[in-house]
N, C-alpha and C. Protein backbone atom coordinates (compact mmCIF):
# COMPACT_ATOMS: atom_id res chain seq x y z
N MET A 1 -62.27 -123.71 113.04
CA MET A 1 -61.08 -123.80 111.91
C MET A 1 -61.15 -123.00 110.70
N THR A 2 -62.10 -122.31 110.84
CA THR A 2 -62.00 -121.58 109.77
C THR A 2 -61.53 -119.70 109.72
N ARG A 3 -61.48 -119.51 111.13
CA ARG A 3 -61.18 -118.53 111.61
C ARG A 3 -59.39 -118.64 111.25
N ILE A 4 -58.56 -119.78 111.62
CA ILE A 4 -57.68 -120.00 111.83
C ILE A 4 -57.15 -119.74 111.12
N ARG A 5 -58.08 -120.63 109.13
CA ARG A 5 -57.51 -120.48 108.25
C ARG A 5 -56.95 -119.20 107.42
N ASN A 6 -58.48 -118.43 107.88
CA ASN A 6 -58.27 -117.80 107.29
C ASN A 6 -57.23 -116.28 107.62
N TRP A 7 -56.92 -116.89 108.82
CA TRP A 7 -55.15 -116.61 109.84
C TRP A 7 -54.45 -116.31 108.83
N ALA A 8 -54.20 -117.95 108.48
CA ALA A 8 -52.86 -118.32 108.15
C ALA A 8 -52.90 -118.59 106.80
N LEU A 9 -54.02 -117.70 106.40
CA LEU A 9 -54.03 -116.78 104.50
C LEU A 9 -53.59 -115.45 104.54
N LEU A 10 -53.98 -114.87 105.62
CA LEU A 10 -53.63 -113.72 105.32
C LEU A 10 -52.08 -113.67 106.02
N ALA A 11 -51.59 -114.56 106.80
CA ALA A 11 -50.52 -114.30 107.44
C ALA A 11 -49.08 -114.85 105.92
N VAL A 12 -49.60 -115.60 105.16
CA VAL A 12 -48.99 -116.11 104.02
C VAL A 12 -49.22 -115.36 103.03
N ALA A 13 -50.39 -113.96 102.75
CA ALA A 13 -49.74 -113.09 101.83
C ALA A 13 -49.60 -112.30 102.29
N ALA A 14 -48.43 -111.88 103.50
CA ALA A 14 -48.47 -110.72 104.44
C ALA A 14 -46.87 -111.01 103.94
N ALA A 15 -46.50 -112.17 104.33
CA ALA A 15 -44.98 -112.43 104.00
C ALA A 15 -44.90 -113.05 102.49
N LEU A 16 -45.34 -113.10 101.71
CA LEU A 16 -44.89 -113.21 100.80
C LEU A 16 -45.07 -111.51 99.62
N SER A 17 -46.22 -111.00 99.94
CA SER A 17 -45.72 -109.69 99.82
C SER A 17 -45.03 -108.79 100.46
N PHE A 18 -44.00 -108.92 101.50
CA PHE A 18 -43.05 -108.45 101.94
C PHE A 18 -41.97 -107.82 101.08
N PRO A 19 -41.50 -109.16 100.46
CA PRO A 19 -40.06 -109.41 99.55
C PRO A 19 -40.42 -107.99 98.22
N LEU A 20 -42.35 -108.65 97.72
CA LEU A 20 -42.89 -107.70 96.58
C LEU A 20 -42.18 -106.31 96.84
N ILE A 21 -43.04 -105.81 97.86
CA ILE A 21 -42.73 -104.24 98.66
C ILE A 21 -41.04 -103.78 99.09
N GLY A 22 -40.48 -104.49 99.52
CA GLY A 22 -39.05 -104.64 99.16
C GLY A 22 -38.05 -103.64 98.16
N CYS A 23 -38.93 -104.79 96.86
CA CYS A 23 -37.88 -105.24 95.60
C CYS A 23 -38.51 -103.58 95.02
N LYS A 24 -40.14 -103.11 95.08
CA LYS A 24 -40.62 -102.05 94.37
C LYS A 24 -39.51 -100.81 95.56
N ASP A 25 -39.14 -100.85 96.54
CA ASP A 25 -38.68 -99.33 97.67
C ASP A 25 -37.75 -99.78 96.67
N ALA A 26 -36.98 -100.94 96.05
CA ALA A 26 -35.62 -101.32 96.29
C ALA A 26 -35.91 -99.81 94.64
N LYS A 27 -36.46 -100.13 93.93
CA LYS A 27 -36.67 -99.88 92.32
C LYS A 27 -36.94 -98.49 92.49
N THR A 28 -37.71 -97.71 93.88
CA THR A 28 -38.04 -96.63 93.41
C THR A 28 -37.20 -95.84 93.94
N LEU A 29 -36.10 -96.09 94.80
CA LEU A 29 -35.01 -95.40 95.21
C LEU A 29 -33.96 -95.22 94.26
N GLN A 30 -34.11 -96.44 93.14
CA GLN A 30 -32.87 -96.37 92.24
C GLN A 30 -33.31 -94.77 90.92
N GLU A 31 -34.83 -95.18 90.68
CA GLU A 31 -35.67 -94.23 90.16
C GLU A 31 -35.42 -93.00 90.78
N ASN A 32 -35.74 -92.82 92.00
CA ASN A 32 -34.80 -91.32 92.75
C ASN A 32 -34.07 -90.73 92.23
N GLU A 33 -33.29 -91.85 92.52
CA GLU A 33 -31.07 -91.41 92.68
C GLU A 33 -31.53 -91.05 90.98
N GLN A 34 -32.54 -91.43 90.27
CA GLN A 34 -31.86 -91.28 88.24
C GLN A 34 -32.42 -89.97 87.94
N LEU A 35 -33.73 -89.23 88.70
CA LEU A 35 -34.40 -88.39 88.42
C LEU A 35 -33.66 -87.38 89.52
N LYS A 36 -32.76 -87.63 90.63
CA LYS A 36 -32.11 -86.10 91.11
C LYS A 36 -31.50 -86.25 89.98
N ALA A 37 -30.79 -87.06 89.86
CA ALA A 37 -29.27 -86.37 88.67
C ALA A 37 -29.76 -85.94 87.04
N GLN A 38 -30.75 -86.43 87.00
CA GLN A 38 -31.10 -85.59 85.83
C GLN A 38 -32.54 -84.20 86.27
N VAL A 39 -32.80 -83.95 87.59
CA VAL A 39 -32.64 -82.09 87.62
C VAL A 39 -31.65 -81.56 88.07
N ALA A 40 -30.45 -81.88 88.61
CA ALA A 40 -29.38 -81.53 88.69
C ALA A 40 -29.24 -81.12 87.49
N GLU A 41 -29.28 -82.11 86.55
CA GLU A 41 -28.24 -81.82 85.24
C GLU A 41 -29.49 -80.67 84.71
N LEU A 42 -30.38 -80.76 84.56
CA LEU A 42 -31.21 -79.65 83.70
C LEU A 42 -31.29 -78.23 84.83
N GLN A 43 -30.98 -78.18 85.55
CA GLN A 43 -30.31 -77.14 86.43
C GLN A 43 -29.59 -76.04 86.18
N LYS A 44 -28.68 -77.28 85.97
CA LYS A 44 -26.71 -76.97 85.71
C LYS A 44 -27.40 -76.23 83.77
N GLU A 45 -27.77 -76.62 83.18
CA GLU A 45 -28.27 -76.59 81.82
C GLU A 45 -29.14 -75.28 81.99
N ASN A 46 -29.97 -75.07 82.51
CA ASN A 46 -30.92 -73.86 82.49
C ASN A 46 -30.18 -72.34 83.39
N GLY A 47 -29.09 -72.66 84.01
CA GLY A 47 -28.20 -72.32 84.85
C GLY A 47 -27.19 -71.21 83.18
N GLN A 48 -26.80 -72.20 82.04
CA GLN A 48 -25.85 -72.14 81.28
C GLN A 48 -26.77 -71.03 80.37
N VAL A 49 -28.04 -71.15 80.11
CA VAL A 49 -28.80 -71.10 78.87
C VAL A 49 -28.92 -69.10 79.71
N GLY A 50 -29.25 -69.53 80.87
CA GLY A 50 -29.46 -67.81 81.93
C GLY A 50 -28.42 -66.86 81.17
N ASN A 51 -27.28 -67.78 81.21
CA ASN A 51 -26.12 -67.24 81.38
C ASN A 51 -25.88 -66.65 80.01
N ASP A 52 -25.91 -67.90 78.92
CA ASP A 52 -26.70 -67.52 77.21
C ASP A 52 -27.10 -66.05 77.14
N LEU A 53 -28.59 -66.67 77.49
CA LEU A 53 -29.41 -64.95 77.55
C LEU A 53 -28.83 -63.79 77.70
N GLU A 54 -28.02 -63.88 79.49
CA GLU A 54 -28.42 -62.42 79.53
C GLU A 54 -26.90 -62.09 78.74
N THR A 55 -26.06 -63.23 77.79
CA THR A 55 -24.46 -62.32 77.07
C THR A 55 -25.45 -61.62 75.72
N MET A 56 -25.87 -62.08 75.50
CA MET A 56 -27.36 -62.87 73.66
C MET A 56 -27.80 -61.29 74.13
N THR A 57 -28.66 -60.77 75.32
CA THR A 57 -28.93 -59.54 75.30
C THR A 57 -28.50 -57.99 75.57
N ALA A 58 -26.67 -58.67 75.85
CA ALA A 58 -25.95 -57.32 76.28
C ALA A 58 -25.19 -57.05 75.13
N ALA A 59 -25.27 -57.66 74.21
CA ALA A 59 -25.28 -58.16 72.36
C ALA A 59 -26.34 -57.20 71.81
N ARG A 60 -27.38 -57.71 71.92
CA ARG A 60 -28.29 -57.13 71.29
C ARG A 60 -28.36 -55.89 71.14
N ASP A 61 -28.57 -54.92 73.19
CA ASP A 61 -28.63 -54.48 73.23
C ASP A 61 -26.92 -53.08 72.80
N ALA A 62 -26.45 -53.62 73.22
CA ALA A 62 -24.73 -53.40 72.01
C ALA A 62 -24.90 -52.73 70.70
N LEU A 63 -25.38 -53.56 69.79
CA LEU A 63 -25.91 -53.49 68.39
C LEU A 63 -27.02 -52.99 68.47
N THR A 64 -27.91 -52.76 69.08
CA THR A 64 -29.03 -51.84 68.99
C THR A 64 -28.36 -50.09 68.71
N LYS A 65 -27.68 -50.12 69.81
CA LYS A 65 -26.80 -48.66 69.85
C LYS A 65 -26.05 -47.84 68.76
N GLU A 66 -25.36 -49.51 68.51
CA GLU A 66 -24.45 -49.26 67.24
C GLU A 66 -25.25 -48.42 66.00
N ASN A 67 -26.29 -49.28 65.78
CA ASN A 67 -27.74 -49.32 64.55
C ASN A 67 -27.84 -47.77 64.05
N GLU A 68 -28.06 -47.29 65.59
CA GLU A 68 -29.36 -46.30 65.59
C GLU A 68 -27.55 -45.21 65.75
N LYS A 69 -26.76 -45.06 65.76
CA LYS A 69 -25.84 -44.12 66.01
C LYS A 69 -25.54 -44.18 63.63
N LEU A 70 -25.53 -45.26 63.82
CA LEU A 70 -25.01 -45.47 62.15
C LEU A 70 -26.25 -44.78 61.67
N LYS A 71 -27.57 -45.31 61.84
CA LYS A 71 -28.64 -44.32 60.95
C LYS A 71 -28.41 -42.52 61.22
N ALA A 72 -28.36 -42.65 62.63
CA ALA A 72 -27.97 -40.54 62.30
C ALA A 72 -27.32 -40.36 61.81
N GLU A 73 -25.85 -40.90 61.64
CA GLU A 73 -25.31 -41.09 60.68
C GLU A 73 -25.11 -40.56 59.13
N ILE A 74 -26.42 -41.83 58.76
CA ILE A 74 -26.78 -41.79 57.32
C ILE A 74 -27.52 -40.20 57.41
N LYS A 75 -28.02 -40.02 58.59
CA LYS A 75 -29.33 -39.11 57.45
C LYS A 75 -28.93 -37.37 57.54
N THR A 76 -27.23 -37.39 58.74
CA THR A 76 -26.42 -36.55 58.70
C THR A 76 -26.00 -36.31 57.00
N LEU A 77 -25.05 -37.46 56.44
CA LEU A 77 -24.80 -37.41 55.15
C LEU A 77 -25.24 -37.32 54.42
N LYS A 78 -26.70 -37.89 54.51
CA LYS A 78 -27.70 -37.60 53.51
C LYS A 78 -28.32 -36.15 53.27
N ALA A 79 -28.28 -35.88 54.46
CA ALA A 79 -28.43 -33.51 54.59
C ALA A 79 -27.64 -33.06 53.80
N LYS A 80 -26.08 -33.21 54.12
CA LYS A 80 -25.11 -32.58 54.03
C LYS A 80 -24.66 -32.79 52.47
N GLY A 81 -25.26 -34.39 51.59
CA GLY A 81 -25.24 -34.64 49.88
C GLY A 81 -26.50 -33.21 49.55
N SER A 82 -27.44 -33.11 49.91
CA SER A 82 -28.55 -33.17 49.23
C SER A 82 -28.60 -31.46 48.99
N ALA A 83 -27.73 -30.73 50.29
CA ALA A 83 -27.38 -29.84 50.66
C ALA A 83 -26.24 -29.33 49.25
N ARG A 84 -25.10 -29.85 48.94
CA ARG A 84 -24.75 -29.97 48.18
C ARG A 84 -25.15 -29.95 46.58
N LYS A 85 -25.81 -31.19 46.55
CA LYS A 85 -26.61 -31.62 45.25
C LYS A 85 -27.73 -30.28 44.72
N THR A 86 -27.96 -29.92 45.84
CA THR A 86 -29.24 -28.54 45.23
C THR A 86 -28.41 -27.38 44.73
N ALA A 87 -27.57 -27.00 45.25
CA ALA A 87 -26.67 -25.74 45.54
C ALA A 87 -26.42 -25.70 43.82
N SER A 88 -25.26 -27.39 43.62
CA SER A 88 -25.04 -27.53 42.47
C SER A 88 -25.83 -27.17 41.09
N ARG A 89 -27.23 -28.21 41.70
CA ARG A 89 -27.90 -27.50 40.10
C ARG A 89 -28.39 -25.70 40.05
N LYS A 90 -28.25 -25.35 40.92
CA LYS A 90 -28.81 -24.40 41.14
C LYS A 90 -27.89 -22.85 40.24
N HIS A 91 -26.17 -23.86 40.92
CA HIS A 91 -25.37 -23.15 40.19
C HIS A 91 -25.17 -23.59 38.84
N ARG A 92 -25.16 -24.74 38.30
CA ARG A 92 -25.51 -25.22 36.80
C ARG A 92 -26.80 -24.33 35.78
N ARG A 93 -27.77 -24.16 36.43
CA ARG A 93 -28.74 -23.95 35.86
C ARG A 93 -28.41 -22.06 35.27
N SER A 94 -27.55 -21.64 35.99
CA SER A 94 -27.64 -20.14 35.84
C SER A 94 -26.82 -20.08 34.82
C-alpha cells in the first residue's frame, strides 16, 4: 500500500510540475527572443561605431598631414624672416 501511495504522490507531483515547466519554457523563449533582438541592435550599433571610427581616423590622418605641412611652411617663413632681420640690422648699424 505504501508503494502505491508513493507512486501516486510521485505521479501527482509530476503532473503538477508539467505546467510549471511549460510556463518556464514559454518565459525562456520570450527572454531568448528579447535577447536576440538586443544582440541584433548591439551588432548594428557596433557596425555604425566601426564606420564612425574609420571616418574619424581618416580625418585625423588628413589633419595630421595638413598640420605637418603648415609647420614646415612656418619654419620656412621664420627662416626667411630672420634672414631679412639680420641683414637689415647690419645695414642700419654701418
